[in-house]
Structure formats: structure tokens, C-alpha cells
Amino acid sequence: MKQLFSRATRHSLLTLALLASWTSAVNAQSQPNGANVANRQAQSTSDILNKVDQLVEQNKQLEKQNEELIDQIQVLRQRLVTPSGKVPESSQAAEPQVLTSAVASIPASGESNRPADTQTIAEAGRKWGTYTPQLGFKVADTNYGDMNISLYSYVRYLNQLGLADSSTNYFGNVNSVIKQNNFQILKVQLKFLGWLMNPKFRYFLYTWTSNASQGQGAQVVVAGNLNYTFNKYITLSGGINALPGVRTLEGNFPNWLSVDTRQIADEFFRPSYTSGIWAKGLITNKLRYQVMLGNNLSQLGVGALQLDNGLNTVSTALVWAPSTGEFGGGFGDFEHHESVATRLGVHFTTSHETKQSQPNTDQFANTQIRLTDGSIIFTPNLFGPGITVNDVNYHMTSVDSGVKYHGYAVEGEYYFRWLNNFVGPGTAGLSQIFDHGFQLQTSTMVVPKTFQLYLGGSTVFGKYGHPWDVRAGMNWFPWKNRVLRWNTEGLYLYNSPVGYSSAPFTVGGHGFVFHSNLEMAF
């Protein structure tokens, strides 16, 4: 396009020059006086050269304007191809004028180039999009839907060298304790969320990694769920979700006092994440509910052929916030409530669990249900020679409450669990197993929205052991929001019944653990 424009311009200039020369010669021949003719010819030639110079200069300016116009066209074409976020109304109104502005700014004869072109180019590089903390950047906002992209990750230093080298379970078996002392970028979660075709139809899709578990099942998960909101009283959903059996599974992650870690009682009793369908909404303005029907207690690392076909995992939650109608976004009073905020929650979960072995093998994959000494209930010969549990019914209920005011918070939860209806070789003589326990946490925002201190502890009571833990930690929020925080925590474990590679505690752990985390959640 540039070459065609330049050729056409040069051709026009040459034609104008020849025409002007021929006209001057004709006029010169019509003059009677030779000297006057020569003078006028010289003057005419000089005028022509001046006009040619002006036209050449204008041609250069037109070529420059043409290049800038092409650049603007490329920018607009790129915007049509690349998805973008919502542009402010003032910017939307200005975009159709970009081409008009570029063309209108081409200088007339003898006019210099104006600075309006620079402004046009600057408008093309204008920042766009919106950001909502923990919902991420809005990268698309159209009549057909929108999309936010959000990231979660944290870097952790973990030191478990203060733990004892081995542990002994209830049955007298001695197990080595594997201790960690390392750095990890522990989890990376990339989330895509928004609505499609109708604002009531929403999607939440994500990739999730546990880098401390590389090489193991469910180290990388690609999952999500789809939701339709009829009104404030009911939203129906399907996909992968947490069974709402305890408070930490109500959807308040990552807004806990610790970074991505629970106290051992909560970890011991809770259900986990599975595929299913669920409903949630308001009963009154201060009372909300959630109920889910799922495949099992935990589908992480479990394939479809390992599941039974009973569809009998049900989990429910009722949460009442009597004083203010809300209780903030998680644990602790980061929001700095000016009025006393209170909550009372009741949860119940039931499930018929199998060992979930691979087809045609005896290896079990279900590690969710443990005894209070940390033993997995499906371990062959656990209760004696020839006694192996293949199926069990799990029932668990928890009650939690809390109060928040002016940066202070006290929050606790009590758990009850029953295991019965054992199926498997030699299990006829096994009686029901009942365990219970609690956790308690207290925290204060020493500097509002900036610096927080907390204490916590939990314990489990049962026939096979009485484990407990205590912890103390701090959180620093440098930007006065939850997007970035530095967390440091020390905890003391006594015969921990739970643990895995991404948690700071380990099964059988007895002793001191230290970990420090830099967490990003936007």
C-alpha cells in the first residue's frame, strides 16, 4: 500500500511539473520583448522549482501519515483477533475515531505535521481491563459472556528435622518418619471463571498442581464445575467440589490463618473433594445451606473404575450468622468488624466407602479414613491376622461457632465420627468405632489489614490414640489486602494421625515443625 501511494504521488508531481513548464513556454512565446521573455522564463522556472520542493515535502509528510495510518489499522485488526477485557466507555467512544483522527491530521499544503498523531498512537496503547482481588483480571466482557483469570501459588520453606525418627502405632508396629527440609513452589492454580450466554450460567475451571507430590496420583488436576443460579435461594451445580462436611470445606480457601494447612483434628475428620452435583442458597438473609451428592469421600487419584456404583455420599451444611448476617471471608477478622459478628455452623456427611482398588488387584487407593493412630482402615491384617476391611460406612458431624470484633477472632469446631458396617474377611467381630475431637483458634490484627498474630490447637480422642497439636504464627499483608502475604508458623505435633508430602505434618510425627510461606492469591 505504501509503494502504490508513493508511486502515484511521484507520477502526479512529474505531470504537474511538465504541465507547468509547457505553460510557461507558451506564455513566453507570446511576449514581444525578448529580454522580458527571458526574465519571466527564469522567474517561472524558479516558481516551478519552489512548488516542486513544496510538493516533495508534502509528499514526505503524506508518506509519514500513511505509515502511521497503516500502523493504526494493524492495531485495530489485532484488537479484533485478540480477546480483550472491557474498555471504559470513553475509550470505546474514541476507538471508532482513530482512523478519522489519523486521516484528518494529514496536513494541508504548506502545513506542518501536528502532534495529534502521537496522541492517537498513545490511545492505541491505553491500559484496559479490570481487577478484583482473588477473582483476578477480567480479560473478556461481552454480550455473550465474560472471563476472569486468577492465579494462586505459594513458595514454602519446610523444616521437619525436629520430629522423632520413628513412631509406634496402637498395634505395636514401628514406622520410620520421613522428614522434610526443603523449599518448594508448592501449589500452582490457574483459574478461569465467568458467565456464558446468560449471567445466571457460570463456569469455574482450573488447573491445580501439588509440586511436592510429583510422580504421585493427582499431582496435576484439571477440573472445575458449572453452575446455574435461579435466584438467591438456589444455585444448582455439577462437577468437582469440596464436600461441605467441615467449615474449611465451605469455600473459604485460601483465607485461613495458616497457608494451605489445617489443624490435625480438622484434617483427620474431614471429607475431601469429589465429583457430584450440589445445591446452595439462602433460607433467610442470615441462614444459608449447601447440600451435595458425590461419588465418594475423595476422588483425588481415584479412577472411575475404582468407584462403587452406589452414589451414596451425601454432605450438608447449615450456617447461621445471627448478628450481622455475614462472618467475613474466612478465618480471623481481617475485615475489622465494627459490630460483633457471630456464626454457628452444623455439618453432616455420610458415605459408604470401599478400598477403591484398581480392577483385578488388591492394592487400595482410599487413604481418607484413618484410625486415631494414623493407620489406614483398609490396611490388610490391621486388626489381626486374616482380618481385612474392604467396605465401611462413614458418618461424621461437626458443629462450629465463632465471634469477630475489631480485628479479634475466636473460632472453634467440634467433630464426631462413627465407622460401622464393616465388610471383609474376618470383620464379623469388629464393633463400631467412635472418635471425636475439636480445634480452637484465636487471632488478632495487631495492625489492621497489615499484621496478624494467631494461636491454635486441636486434639482427637479415640480408642487407638490421643493425638494433638498446637501452633503459633504470624501473617504480614504488605499491600493491605489478601493478594500477597508472608506467613511464618511453628507447630508442635504429638503422634499426628494424618500427613502427606504437601502438608507440614506427617503421619506419626512427634516434635517441632517450622515452615514459612510467601503466598500469592489474585
Protein backbone atom coordinates (compact mmCIF):
# COMPACT_ATOMS: atom_id res chain seq x y z
CA MET A 1 0.00 0.00 0.00
CA LYS A 2 2.92 2.33 0.85
CA GLN A 3 4.59 1.68 -2.57
CA LEU A 4 1.37 2.32 -4.50
CA PHE A 5 0.80 5.57 -2.62
CA SER A 6 4.39 6.75 -3.26
CA ARG A 7 4.33 5.87 -6.99
CA ALA A 8 1.04 7.67 -7.52
CA THR A 9 2.34 10.75 -5.76
CA ARG A 10 5.58 10.89 -7.78
CA HIS A 11 3.66 10.43 -11.04
CA SER A 12 1.35 13.32 -10.13
CA LEU A 13 4.29 15.58 -9.25
CA LEU A 14 6.05 14.86 -12.57
CA THR A 15 2.89 15.56 -14.53
CA LEU A 16 2.36 18.85 -12.71
CA ALA A 17 5.98 19.91 -13.36
CA LEU A 18 5.82 19.15 -17.11
CA LEU A 19 2.48 20.90 -17.43
CA ALA A 20 3.81 23.97 -15.65
CA SER A 21 6.93 24.08 -17.88
CA TRP A 22 4.87 23.80 -21.09
CA THR A 23 2.51 26.57 -19.93
CA SER A 24 5.42 28.87 -19.13
CA ALA A 25 6.99 28.27 -22.57
CA VAL A 26 3.76 29.11 -24.36
CA ASN A 27 3.39 32.32 -22.37
CA ALA A 28 6.99 33.25 -23.12
CA GLN A 29 6.49 32.89 -26.88
CA SER A 30 3.56 35.32 -26.81
CA GLN A 31 5.70 38.18 -25.34
CA PRO A 32 7.12 40.73 -27.88
CA ASN A 33 10.19 41.69 -25.84
CA GLY A 34 12.98 39.03 -25.75
CA ALA A 35 14.57 40.27 -22.51
CA ASN A 36 11.29 40.29 -20.70
CA VAL A 37 10.65 36.83 -22.02
CA ALA A 38 13.94 35.56 -20.60
CA ASN A 39 13.32 37.17 -17.21
CA ARG A 40 9.83 35.79 -16.97
CA GLN A 41 11.03 32.34 -18.00
CA ALA A 42 13.65 32.37 -15.25
CA GLN A 43 11.10 33.55 -12.70
CA SER A 44 8.60 30.94 -13.87
CA THR A 45 11.22 28.18 -13.61
CA SER A 46 12.11 29.30 -10.09
CA ASP A 47 8.45 29.27 -9.07
CA ILE A 48 8.04 25.80 -10.50
CA LEU A 49 11.05 24.51 -8.57
CA ASN A 50 9.70 26.04 -5.37
CA LYS A 51 6.34 24.40 -5.97
CA VAL A 52 8.05 21.08 -6.69
CA ASP A 53 10.00 21.38 -3.43
CA GLN A 54 6.79 22.09 -1.55
CA LEU A 55 5.08 19.14 -3.19
CA VAL A 56 8.04 16.86 -2.36
CA GLU A 57 7.90 18.00 1.28
CA GLN A 58 4.16 17.45 1.40
CA ASN A 59 4.67 14.04 -0.19
CA LYS A 60 7.09 13.09 2.61
CA GLN A 61 4.57 14.18 5.18
CA LEU A 62 1.83 12.22 3.42
CA GLU A 63 4.04 9.13 3.34
CA LYS A 64 4.68 9.50 7.08
CA GLN A 65 0.96 9.89 7.71
CA ASN A 66 0.30 6.87 5.52
CA GLU A 67 2.73 4.76 7.58
CA GLU A 68 1.08 5.86 10.82
CA LEU A 69 -2.35 5.14 9.35
CA ILE A 70 -1.26 1.60 8.43
CA ASP A 71 0.08 1.12 11.97
CA GLN A 72 -3.30 2.16 13.35
CA ILE A 73 -5.06 -0.30 11.04
CA GLN A 74 -2.78 -3.09 12.27
CA VAL A 75 -3.58 -2.21 15.90
CA LEU A 76 -7.32 -2.31 15.22
CA ARG A 77 -7.02 -5.61 13.34
CA GLN A 78 -5.09 -7.07 16.28
CA ARG A 79 -7.85 -5.98 18.66
CA LEU A 80 -10.39 -7.80 16.51
CA VAL A 81 -8.34 -11.01 16.63
CA THR A 82 -7.17 -10.93 20.28
CA PRO A 83 -9.74 -11.29 23.13
CA SER A 84 -9.71 -8.25 25.35
CA GLY A 85 -11.25 -7.05 28.54
CA LYS A 86 -13.90 -4.41 28.96
CA VAL A 87 -12.81 -0.98 27.81
CA PRO A 88 -14.14 2.12 29.55
CA GLU A 89 -16.95 3.90 27.74
CA SER A 90 -14.75 6.89 26.98
CA SER A 91 -12.23 4.59 25.32
CA GLN A 92 -14.94 2.76 23.39
CA ALA A 93 -16.22 6.04 22.04
CA ALA A 94 -12.73 7.07 21.00
CA GLU A 95 -11.83 3.88 19.10
CA PRO A 96 -14.05 4.45 16.02
CA GLN A 97 -12.42 7.86 15.67
CA VAL A 98 -8.85 6.55 15.45
CA LEU A 99 -8.89 6.23 11.65
CA THR A 100 -10.79 9.50 11.26
CA SER A 101 -8.31 11.28 13.51
CA ALA A 102 -5.35 9.88 11.59
CA VAL A 103 -6.78 10.94 8.22
CA ALA A 104 -7.89 14.36 9.43
CA SER A 105 -4.43 15.08 10.78
CA ILE A 106 -2.80 14.90 7.32
CA PRO A 107 -1.52 18.46 6.80
CA ALA A 108 -2.81 20.68 4.04
CA SER A 109 -0.44 22.37 1.56
CA GLY A 110 2.27 24.25 3.42
CA GLU A 111 1.02 22.98 6.82
CA SER A 112 3.39 21.25 9.30
CA ASN A 113 2.74 17.90 10.95
CA ARG A 114 0.66 18.24 14.16
CA PRO A 115 1.22 16.42 17.49
CA ALA A 116 -2.30 14.90 17.36
CA ASP A 117 -0.83 11.79 15.70
CA THR A 118 1.28 11.00 18.77
CA GLN A 119 -1.84 11.21 20.91
CA THR A 120 -3.61 8.78 18.58
CA ILE A 121 -0.77 6.27 18.93
CA ALA A 122 -0.83 6.68 22.72
CA GLU A 123 -4.56 5.92 22.74
CA ALA A 124 -3.84 2.65 20.96
CA GLY A 125 -1.61 1.60 23.89
CA ARG A 126 -4.14 2.59 26.57
CA LYS A 127 -4.37 0.19 29.57
CA TRP A 128 -7.59 -1.81 29.71
CA GLY A 129 -9.31 -4.43 31.84
CA THR A 130 -10.40 -4.59 35.48
CA TYR A 131 -9.08 -6.40 38.53
CA THR A 132 -10.89 -7.83 41.55
CA PRO A 133 -8.80 -9.26 44.42
CA GLN A 134 -8.85 -13.10 44.41
CA LEU A 135 -11.06 -13.08 41.30
CA GLY A 136 -8.20 -11.93 39.08
CA PHE A 137 -8.12 -9.94 35.86
CA LYS A 138 -11.17 -9.58 33.64
CA VAL A 139 -9.89 -10.41 30.15
CA ALA A 140 -13.24 -10.52 28.34
CA ASP A 141 -16.56 -8.74 28.85
CA THR A 142 -19.08 -9.13 26.02
CA ASN A 143 -22.79 -9.55 25.48
CA TYR A 144 -22.19 -13.31 25.28
CA GLY A 145 -20.19 -13.74 28.47
CA ASP A 146 -17.15 -12.69 30.42
CA MET A 147 -13.97 -14.27 31.75
CA ASN A 148 -11.65 -13.67 34.66
CA ILE A 149 -8.23 -15.29 35.02
CA SER A 150 -6.92 -15.76 38.54
CA LEU A 151 -3.70 -17.29 39.90
CA TYR A 152 -2.84 -18.90 43.21
CA SER A 153 0.57 -20.11 44.33
CA TYR A 154 2.99 -20.03 47.22
CA VAL A 155 6.65 -20.69 47.96
CA ARG A 156 7.33 -22.63 51.16
CA TYR A 157 10.30 -23.48 53.31
CA LEU A 158 9.56 -26.52 55.49
CA ASN A 159 11.76 -27.90 58.27
CA GLN A 160 10.65 -31.15 59.97
CA LEU A 161 14.06 -32.07 61.38
CA GLY A 162 12.72 -31.59 64.90
CA LEU A 163 10.49 -34.68 64.61
CA ALA A 164 11.33 -38.06 66.11
CA ASP A 165 12.84 -40.58 63.69
CA SER A 166 10.12 -43.21 64.15
CA SER A 167 6.64 -43.77 65.53
CA THR A 168 4.79 -46.74 67.03
CA ASN A 169 1.10 -47.25 66.28
CA TYR A 170 -1.57 -48.79 68.51
CA PHE A 171 -0.85 -52.30 67.21
CA GLY A 172 2.86 -52.11 68.07
CA ASN A 173 4.12 -51.58 64.55
CA VAL A 174 7.16 -49.27 64.31
CA ASN A 175 7.26 -46.96 61.28
CA SER A 176 10.03 -44.66 60.10
CA VAL A 177 9.15 -40.97 59.91
CA ILE A 178 10.30 -39.34 56.67
CA LYS A 179 11.31 -35.77 57.47
CA GLN A 180 11.49 -32.88 55.02
CA ASN A 181 13.84 -29.90 54.94
CA ASN A 182 13.33 -28.16 51.61
CA PHE A 183 11.99 -25.31 49.51
CA GLN A 184 9.01 -25.81 47.20
CA ILE A 185 6.82 -23.68 44.97
CA LEU A 186 4.19 -25.89 46.41
CA LYS A 187 0.99 -25.28 44.51
CA VAL A 188 0.10 -23.50 41.29
CA GLN A 189 -3.56 -22.97 40.47
CA LEU A 190 -4.72 -21.27 37.27
CA LYS A 191 -8.43 -20.41 37.38
CA PHE A 192 -10.84 -19.37 34.62
CA LEU A 193 -14.21 -18.12 35.80
CA GLY A 194 -17.13 -16.12 34.48
CA TRP A 195 -20.52 -16.45 32.81
CA LEU A 196 -21.60 -17.62 29.35
CA MET A 197 -24.65 -16.63 27.24
CA ASN A 198 -26.65 -15.81 30.38
CA PRO A 199 -25.25 -14.22 33.57
CA LYS A 200 -27.06 -16.91 35.56
CA PHE A 201 -24.96 -19.63 33.91
CA ARG A 202 -21.45 -19.55 35.33
CA TYR A 203 -18.32 -21.66 34.93
CA PHE A 204 -15.29 -22.23 37.14
CA LEU A 205 -12.48 -24.21 35.50
CA TYR A 206 -8.96 -24.64 36.81
CA THR A 207 -5.66 -26.47 36.71
CA TRP A 208 -4.13 -27.40 40.04
CA THR A 209 -0.71 -28.82 40.88
CA SER A 210 0.86 -30.15 44.06
CA ASN A 211 4.55 -29.97 43.26
CA ALA A 212 5.59 -31.73 46.48
CA SER A 213 3.70 -34.79 45.16
CA GLN A 214 5.38 -35.05 41.76
CA GLY A 215 5.16 -38.56 40.38
CA GLN A 216 2.17 -39.46 42.54
CA GLY A 217 -1.52 -39.72 41.66
CA ALA A 218 -3.42 -36.43 41.28
CA GLN A 219 -0.20 -34.38 41.22
CA VAL A 220 -1.81 -32.37 38.41
CA VAL A 221 -5.58 -31.90 38.29
CA VAL A 222 -7.61 -30.23 35.55
CA ALA A 223 -11.13 -29.78 36.88
CA GLY A 224 -13.95 -27.37 37.61
CA ASN A 225 -17.71 -27.03 37.78
CA LEU A 226 -20.71 -25.48 36.03
CA ASN A 227 -23.40 -23.52 37.87
CA TYR A 228 -26.84 -22.05 37.23
CA THR A 229 -28.35 -19.54 39.65
CA PHE A 230 -32.13 -19.41 39.61
CA ASN A 231 -32.34 -16.85 42.41
CA LYS A 232 -30.69 -16.14 45.77
CA TYR A 233 -32.40 -19.21 47.23
CA ILE A 234 -30.97 -21.85 44.90
CA THR A 235 -27.95 -22.38 42.69
CA LEU A 236 -27.52 -25.80 41.06
CA SER A 237 -24.02 -27.01 40.19
CA GLY A 238 -22.16 -30.02 38.85
CA GLY A 239 -18.50 -31.00 38.63
CA ILE A 240 -15.74 -31.37 41.21
CA ASN A 241 -16.23 -29.66 44.55
CA ALA A 242 -15.45 -29.96 48.24
CA LEU A 243 -17.95 -31.91 50.30
CA PRO A 244 -19.16 -29.28 52.82
CA GLY A 245 -18.58 -31.52 55.84
CA VAL A 246 -16.48 -29.05 57.88
CA ARG A 247 -16.03 -25.29 57.89
CA THR A 248 -12.77 -25.31 55.89
CA LEU A 249 -14.66 -27.00 53.03
CA GLU A 250 -17.35 -24.33 52.71
CA GLY A 251 -15.37 -22.43 50.05
CA ASN A 252 -13.26 -20.11 52.23
CA PHE A 253 -9.86 -21.33 50.96
CA PRO A 254 -7.25 -19.75 50.96
CA ASN A 255 -8.40 -17.34 53.69
CA TRP A 256 -7.17 -19.43 56.61
CA LEU A 257 -4.82 -18.37 59.40
CA SER A 258 -2.16 -20.79 58.10
CA VAL A 259 -1.20 -21.09 54.44
CA ASP A 260 -2.94 -24.10 52.88
CA THR A 261 -2.82 -26.21 56.03
CA ARG A 262 -5.39 -27.28 58.58
CA GLN A 263 -5.00 -28.34 62.18
CA ILE A 264 -4.70 -32.11 62.60
CA ALA A 265 -8.19 -32.66 64.05
CA ASP A 266 -9.80 -30.92 61.08
CA GLU A 267 -7.60 -32.89 58.68
CA PHE A 268 -8.41 -36.18 60.44
CA PHE A 269 -12.21 -35.92 60.46
CA ARG A 270 -13.00 -34.05 57.25
CA PRO A 271 -14.20 -35.43 53.90
CA SER A 272 -12.45 -34.18 50.76
CA TYR A 273 -13.08 -33.31 47.09
CA THR A 274 -15.13 -35.40 44.70
CA SER A 275 -17.32 -35.23 41.60
CA GLY A 276 -21.03 -34.73 42.06
CA ILE A 277 -23.95 -32.34 42.00
CA TRP A 278 -24.95 -29.82 44.65
CA ALA A 279 -27.30 -27.01 45.56
CA LYS A 280 -26.78 -23.96 47.75
CA GLY A 281 -28.51 -20.72 48.59
CA LEU A 282 -30.25 -18.70 51.28
CA ILE A 283 -33.04 -19.89 53.53
CA THR A 284 -33.28 -16.47 55.15
CA ASN A 285 -30.98 -13.47 54.91
CA LYS A 286 -28.97 -14.84 57.85
CA LEU A 287 -29.25 -18.58 57.23
CA ARG A 288 -27.73 -20.39 54.25
CA TYR A 289 -27.47 -24.02 53.20
CA GLN A 290 -25.43 -26.31 50.98
CA VAL A 291 -26.05 -29.97 50.11
CA MET A 292 -24.00 -32.23 47.82
CA LEU A 293 -24.37 -35.72 46.36
CA GLY A 294 -20.97 -37.12 45.39
CA ASN A 295 -19.11 -40.22 44.23
CA ASN A 296 -17.05 -40.83 47.38
CA LEU A 297 -15.20 -39.01 50.18
CA SER A 298 -12.19 -38.24 47.98
CA GLN A 299 -11.77 -38.78 44.25
CA LEU A 300 -8.21 -37.43 44.07
CA GLY A 301 -6.11 -40.15 42.43
CA VAL A 302 -9.10 -42.49 42.07
CA GLY A 303 -10.32 -43.55 38.61
CA ALA A 304 -13.92 -44.16 37.62
CA LEU A 305 -13.46 -47.96 37.54
CA GLN A 306 -12.29 -47.91 41.16
CA LEU A 307 -15.53 -46.33 42.41
CA ASP A 308 -18.52 -48.31 43.60
CA ASN A 309 -21.83 -47.55 41.88
CA GLY A 310 -23.86 -46.70 44.96
CA LEU A 311 -23.91 -42.89 44.73
CA ASN A 312 -24.42 -42.71 48.49
CA THR A 313 -22.03 -39.94 49.57
CA VAL A 314 -24.08 -37.02 50.92
CA SER A 315 -22.78 -33.93 52.68
CA THR A 316 -24.71 -30.94 54.04
CA ALA A 317 -24.06 -27.66 55.80
CA LEU A 318 -26.25 -25.08 57.54
CA VAL A 319 -24.64 -21.77 58.51
CA TRP A 320 -26.32 -19.09 60.60
CA ALA A 321 -24.88 -15.59 61.10
CA PRO A 322 -27.34 -14.14 63.65
CA SER A 323 -25.80 -10.76 64.47
CA THR A 324 -24.59 -9.24 61.18
CA GLY A 325 -25.79 -11.70 58.55
CA GLU A 326 -22.20 -12.42 57.49
CA PHE A 327 -18.90 -13.57 59.02
CA GLY A 328 -16.25 -12.30 56.64
CA GLY A 329 -14.31 -14.17 54.00
CA GLY A 330 -12.54 -16.73 56.18
CA PHE A 331 -10.76 -17.23 59.50
CA GLY A 332 -9.61 -14.23 61.52
CA ASP A 333 -11.02 -10.72 61.44
CA PHE A 334 -9.07 -9.25 58.52
CA GLU A 335 -12.18 -7.19 57.67
CA HIS A 336 -12.07 -5.48 61.12
CA HIS A 337 -15.75 -5.77 62.01
CA GLU A 338 -17.14 -2.64 63.66
CA SER A 339 -20.07 -4.65 65.03
CA VAL A 340 -19.81 -8.04 66.71
CA ALA A 341 -20.07 -10.76 64.05
CA THR A 342 -21.09 -14.28 65.05
CA ARG A 343 -21.70 -17.60 63.32
CA LEU A 344 -22.96 -21.08 64.07
CA GLY A 345 -22.47 -23.91 61.59
CA VAL A 346 -23.71 -27.50 61.53
CA HIS A 347 -22.36 -30.09 59.06
CA PHE A 348 -23.15 -33.74 58.37
CA THR A 349 -21.57 -36.24 55.95
CA THR A 350 -22.31 -39.89 55.29
CA SER A 351 -20.74 -42.29 52.80
CA HIS A 352 -20.34 -45.99 52.08
CA GLU A 353 -16.60 -46.32 51.39
CA THR A 354 -14.70 -49.13 49.70
CA LYS A 355 -10.95 -49.70 49.46
CA GLN A 356 -11.23 -48.44 45.85
CA SER A 357 -8.60 -50.77 44.44
CA GLN A 358 -7.67 -50.93 40.79
CA PRO A 359 -9.67 -53.59 38.91
CA ASN A 360 -8.24 -57.10 39.40
CA THR A 361 -5.78 -56.00 42.11
CA ASP A 362 -5.75 -55.96 45.90
CA GLN A 363 -3.98 -52.58 46.24
CA PHE A 364 -6.18 -49.98 47.91
CA ALA A 365 -6.29 -46.28 46.94
CA ASN A 366 -8.65 -45.00 49.63
CA THR A 367 -6.48 -43.27 52.25
CA GLN A 368 -9.12 -40.85 53.56
CA ILE A 369 -10.28 -42.91 56.57
CA ARG A 370 -7.69 -43.47 59.30
CA LEU A 371 -7.73 -44.62 62.91
CA THR A 372 -6.55 -42.21 65.60
CA ASP A 373 -3.04 -43.75 65.49
CA GLY A 374 -2.78 -42.89 61.77
CA SER A 375 -3.43 -46.40 60.42
CA ILE A 376 -5.49 -46.59 57.21
CA ILE A 377 -8.55 -48.70 57.95
CA PHE A 378 -8.25 -50.70 54.70
CA THR A 379 -4.75 -51.98 55.56
CA PRO A 380 -4.77 -55.81 55.25
CA ASN A 381 -4.48 -57.67 58.59
CA LEU A 382 -4.62 -54.38 60.51
CA PHE A 383 -6.95 -55.69 63.23
CA GLY A 384 -5.33 -59.11 63.32
CA PRO A 385 -4.27 -61.95 61.02
CA GLY A 386 -6.87 -62.62 58.35
CA ILE A 387 -8.92 -59.51 59.17
CA THR A 388 -9.21 -57.01 56.31
CA VAL A 389 -11.80 -54.26 55.89
CA ASN A 390 -12.97 -53.85 52.29
CA ASP A 391 -16.09 -51.73 52.95
CA VAL A 392 -17.15 -49.41 55.76
CA ASN A 393 -19.83 -46.83 56.46
CA TYR A 394 -18.57 -43.38 57.45
CA HIS A 395 -20.76 -40.89 59.34
CA MET A 396 -19.41 -37.56 60.58
CA THR A 397 -20.95 -34.42 62.00
CA SER A 398 -19.33 -31.19 63.15
CA VAL A 399 -20.53 -28.06 64.89
CA ASP A 400 -18.58 -24.81 64.66
CA SER A 401 -19.01 -21.33 66.08
CA GLY A 402 -17.07 -18.08 66.16
CA VAL A 403 -17.06 -14.41 67.06
CA LYS A 404 -15.21 -11.47 65.47
CA TYR A 405 -14.84 -7.87 66.55
CA HIS A 406 -12.33 -5.06 65.85
CA GLY A 407 -9.66 -7.40 64.46
CA TYR A 408 -10.05 -10.07 67.17
CA ALA A 409 -11.46 -13.52 66.44
CA VAL A 410 -12.14 -16.71 68.40
CA GLU A 411 -13.27 -19.72 66.34
CA GLY A 412 -13.75 -23.38 67.20
CA GLU A 413 -15.21 -26.61 65.86
CA TYR A 414 -16.14 -29.99 67.41
CA TYR A 415 -16.22 -33.25 65.45
CA PHE A 416 -17.94 -36.63 65.89
CA ARG A 417 -17.29 -39.68 63.67
CA TRP A 418 -18.75 -43.18 63.52
CA LEU A 419 -17.38 -46.10 61.47
CA ASN A 420 -19.56 -49.22 61.21
CA ASN A 421 -20.99 -51.95 58.94
CA PHE A 422 -17.57 -53.39 58.15
CA VAL A 423 -17.38 -55.80 55.21
CA GLY A 424 -14.43 -58.09 54.52
CA PRO A 425 -12.67 -61.25 55.68
CA GLY A 426 -12.81 -61.66 59.47
CA THR A 427 -14.71 -58.41 60.09
CA ALA A 428 -17.78 -60.01 61.69
CA GLY A 429 -16.38 -59.42 65.15
CA LEU A 430 -15.48 -55.75 64.64
CA SER A 431 -17.62 -53.31 66.60
CA GLN A 432 -18.45 -49.70 65.76
CA ILE A 433 -15.55 -47.23 66.07
CA PHE A 434 -16.36 -43.81 67.54
CA ASP A 435 -13.93 -40.87 67.57
CA HIS A 436 -14.37 -37.23 68.49
CA GLY A 437 -12.23 -34.13 68.84
CA PHE A 438 -12.04 -30.38 68.45
CA GLN A 439 -9.98 -27.45 67.24
CA LEU A 440 -9.74 -23.90 68.61
CA GLN A 441 -8.12 -20.83 67.03
CA THR A 442 -7.73 -17.25 68.20
CA SER A 443 -6.21 -14.34 66.31
CA THR A 444 -5.73 -10.58 66.39
CA MET A 445 -4.90 -7.98 63.75
CA VAL A 446 -2.11 -6.11 65.58
CA VAL A 447 -2.02 -3.61 62.70
CA PRO A 448 -5.35 -3.51 60.80
CA LYS A 449 -5.12 -5.19 57.37
CA THR A 450 -1.33 -5.46 57.76
CA PHE A 451 -0.04 -7.64 60.62
CA GLN A 452 -1.75 -10.57 62.33
CA LEU A 453 -0.81 -12.95 65.16
CA TYR A 454 -2.60 -16.23 65.90
CA LEU A 455 -2.63 -19.29 68.17
CA GLY A 456 -4.32 -22.62 67.57
CA GLY A 457 -4.61 -26.15 68.82
CA SER A 458 -6.56 -29.34 68.24
CA THR A 459 -6.92 -32.87 69.59
CA VAL A 460 -8.58 -36.18 68.74
CA PHE A 461 -9.98 -38.72 71.21
CA GLY A 462 -10.33 -42.37 70.24
CA LYS A 463 -9.68 -45.97 71.16
CA TYR A 464 -6.49 -46.17 69.11
CA GLY A 465 -4.76 -43.00 70.27
CA HIS A 466 -4.99 -39.44 71.56
CA PRO A 467 -3.02 -37.18 69.18
CA TRP A 468 -2.86 -33.38 69.44
CA ASP A 469 -1.11 -30.31 68.06
CA VAL A 470 -0.51 -26.66 68.97
CA ARG A 471 0.70 -23.86 66.75
CA ALA A 472 1.56 -20.16 66.72
CA GLY A 473 2.13 -17.94 63.72
CA MET A 474 2.06 -14.54 62.10
CA ASN A 475 0.79 -13.07 58.83
CA TRP A 476 2.07 -9.91 57.15
CA PHE A 477 -0.03 -8.36 54.35
CA PRO A 478 2.29 -5.78 52.70
CA TRP A 479 -0.38 -4.36 50.37
CA LYS A 480 -3.17 -4.27 52.98
CA ASN A 481 -5.16 -6.96 51.17
CA ARG A 482 -5.15 -10.74 50.87
CA VAL A 483 -3.43 -10.79 47.48
CA LEU A 484 0.04 -11.27 48.98
CA ARG A 485 1.06 -12.40 52.45
CA TRP A 486 4.08 -13.73 54.26
CA ASN A 487 3.22 -16.42 56.80
CA THR A 488 5.55 -17.97 59.36
CA GLU A 489 4.42 -20.71 61.73
CA GLY A 490 5.79 -23.09 64.31
CA LEU A 491 3.84 -26.15 65.45
CA TYR A 492 4.30 -28.98 67.89
CA LEU A 493 2.87 -32.38 66.99
CA TYR A 494 2.09 -35.28 69.26
CA ASN A 495 1.64 -38.53 67.29
CA SER A 496 -0.07 -36.90 64.31
CA PRO A 497 -2.65 -39.28 62.77
CA VAL A 498 -2.51 -37.53 59.38
CA GLY A 499 0.06 -36.20 56.96
CA TYR A 500 1.25 -36.14 53.38
CA SER A 501 4.04 -34.55 51.37
CA SER A 502 2.35 -31.17 50.82
CA ALA A 503 1.38 -30.73 54.50
CA PRO A 504 3.74 -29.54 57.25
CA PHE A 505 2.75 -32.52 59.43
CA THR A 506 3.48 -36.19 58.76
CA VAL A 507 1.82 -39.42 59.94
CA GLY A 508 3.25 -40.38 63.32
CA GLY A 509 5.04 -37.05 63.65
CA HIS A 510 6.13 -36.19 67.21
CA GLY A 511 8.08 -32.99 67.73
CA PHE A 512 8.60 -29.47 66.42
CA VAL A 513 7.97 -28.28 62.84
CA PHE A 514 8.73 -24.88 61.31
CA HIS A 515 7.55 -23.51 57.97
CA SER A 516 7.48 -20.12 56.27
CA ASN A 517 5.43 -19.23 53.18
CA LEU A 518 5.05 -16.43 50.66
CA GLU A 519 1.53 -16.72 49.26
CA MET A 520 0.02 -15.03 46.18
CA ALA A 521 -3.74 -15.19 45.64
CA PHE A 522 -5.14 -12.83 42.97
